[in-house]
Amino acid sequence: MSISTTILLFLGLRGAQLWLLLLIGLIIFGAARLPKIMRNLGKGVHSFKQGMEEAKAEMNKPVKSADEIIREREAAANGSITSTAKAKDSDGPNA
């Protein structure tokens, strides 16, 4: 059962009530704009589902230990120091 169907059933909307909502939407938005609105609504639902899956994947990623984080920071700091030192050496003694 899709989310939209679940929501509509939760609200107690069935049969004739759904047709009435569709007719009101058709009157308010017009026949030309209704397909665009539904297409955009579908894109929004797809985007929402994709975001939920990305969030689940992010939550299921293994957590780094404190030791791993410290090692990564030290490596990054050592890498920036050595690249700075190399840049000073390449300028020459007259810089």
Protein backbone atom coordinates (compact mmCIF):
# COMPACT_ATOMS: atom_id res chain seq x y z
CA MET A 1 0.00 0.00 0.00
CA SER A 2 1.47 3.36 -0.96
CA ILE A 3 1.94 6.27 1.42
CA SER A 4 -0.70 8.39 -0.29
CA THR A 5 -3.23 5.57 -0.08
CA THR A 6 -2.41 5.04 3.58
CA ILE A 7 -2.83 8.75 4.33
CA LEU A 8 -6.14 8.93 2.50
CA LEU A 9 -7.45 5.83 4.28
CA PHE A 10 -6.23 7.21 7.59
CA LEU A 11 -8.22 10.36 6.97
CA GLY A 12 -11.26 8.24 6.23
CA LEU A 13 -11.49 9.18 2.56
CA ARG A 14 -12.91 6.53 0.23
CA GLY A 15 -14.76 6.18 -3.07
CA ALA A 16 -17.08 9.14 -3.64
CA GLN A 17 -15.08 11.42 -1.35
CA LEU A 18 -11.92 10.87 -3.40
CA TRP A 19 -13.83 11.61 -6.61
CA LEU A 20 -15.18 14.79 -5.04
CA LEU A 21 -11.64 15.90 -4.10
CA LEU A 22 -10.44 15.17 -7.64
CA LEU A 23 -13.32 17.20 -9.10
CA ILE A 24 -12.59 20.14 -6.77
CA GLY A 25 -8.92 20.00 -7.74
CA LEU A 26 -9.88 19.97 -11.41
CA ILE A 27 -12.13 23.00 -10.95
CA ILE A 28 -9.57 24.97 -8.92
CA PHE A 29 -6.44 24.23 -10.93
CA GLY A 30 -7.90 23.45 -14.35
CA ALA A 31 -7.30 20.52 -16.64
CA ALA A 32 -4.11 21.99 -18.11
CA ARG A 33 -2.28 22.51 -14.81
CA LEU A 34 -3.40 19.39 -12.98
CA PRO A 35 -0.97 16.99 -14.76
CA LYS A 36 1.95 19.34 -14.02
CA ILE A 37 0.94 19.53 -10.38
CA MET A 38 0.71 15.74 -10.13
CA ARG A 39 4.08 15.33 -11.89
CA ASN A 40 5.73 17.75 -9.45
CA LEU A 41 4.06 15.99 -6.55
CA GLY A 42 5.46 12.66 -7.79
CA LYS A 43 8.94 14.17 -8.11
CA GLY A 44 8.66 15.49 -4.58
CA VAL A 45 7.65 12.10 -3.20
CA HIS A 46 10.52 10.45 -5.11
CA SER A 47 12.98 13.02 -3.74
CA PHE A 48 11.67 12.49 -0.22
CA LYS A 49 12.07 8.71 -0.48
CA GLN A 50 15.59 9.10 -1.86
CA GLY A 51 16.48 11.41 1.02
CA MET A 52 15.12 8.92 3.53
CA GLU A 53 17.23 6.13 2.01
CA GLU A 54 20.33 8.36 2.12
CA ALA A 55 19.61 9.16 5.77
CA LYS A 56 19.26 5.45 6.57
CA ALA A 57 22.55 4.72 4.81
CA GLU A 58 24.25 7.52 6.74
CA MET A 59 22.89 6.23 10.04
CA ASN A 60 24.07 2.68 9.26
CA LYS A 61 27.64 3.76 8.48
CA PRO A 62 30.15 2.51 11.03
CA VAL A 63 31.22 5.08 13.59
CA LYS A 64 34.92 5.97 13.70
CA SER A 65 36.72 5.53 16.99
CA ALA A 66 38.43 8.45 18.68
CA ASP A 67 41.86 6.95 17.85
CA GLU A 68 41.04 6.88 14.12
CA ILE A 69 39.90 10.50 14.17
CA ILE A 70 43.05 11.61 16.02
CA ARG A 71 45.28 9.75 13.54
CA GLU A 72 43.47 11.34 10.58
CA ARG A 73 43.86 14.83 12.08
CA GLU A 74 47.54 14.27 12.83
CA ALA A 75 48.14 13.01 9.30
CA ALA A 76 46.35 16.03 7.86
CA ALA A 77 48.34 18.38 10.10
CA ASN A 78 51.65 16.70 9.20
CA GLY A 79 50.76 16.83 5.52
CA SER A 80 50.05 20.55 5.64
CA ILE A 81 53.27 21.25 7.57
CA THR A 82 55.40 19.34 5.08
CA SER A 83 53.72 21.00 2.10
CA THR A 84 54.30 24.44 3.68
CA ALA A 85 57.92 23.60 4.34
CA LYS A 86 58.35 22.40 0.75
CA ALA A 87 56.86 25.66 -0.54
CA LYS A 88 59.30 27.72 1.55
CA ASP A 89 62.23 25.63 0.29
CA SER A 90 61.21 26.10 -3.32
CA ASP A 91 61.16 29.92 -2.92
CA GLY A 92 64.87 29.88 -2.23
CA PRO A 93 66.98 31.64 0.39
CA ASN A 94 66.33 35.17 -0.93
CA ALA A 95 62.58 35.12 -0.32
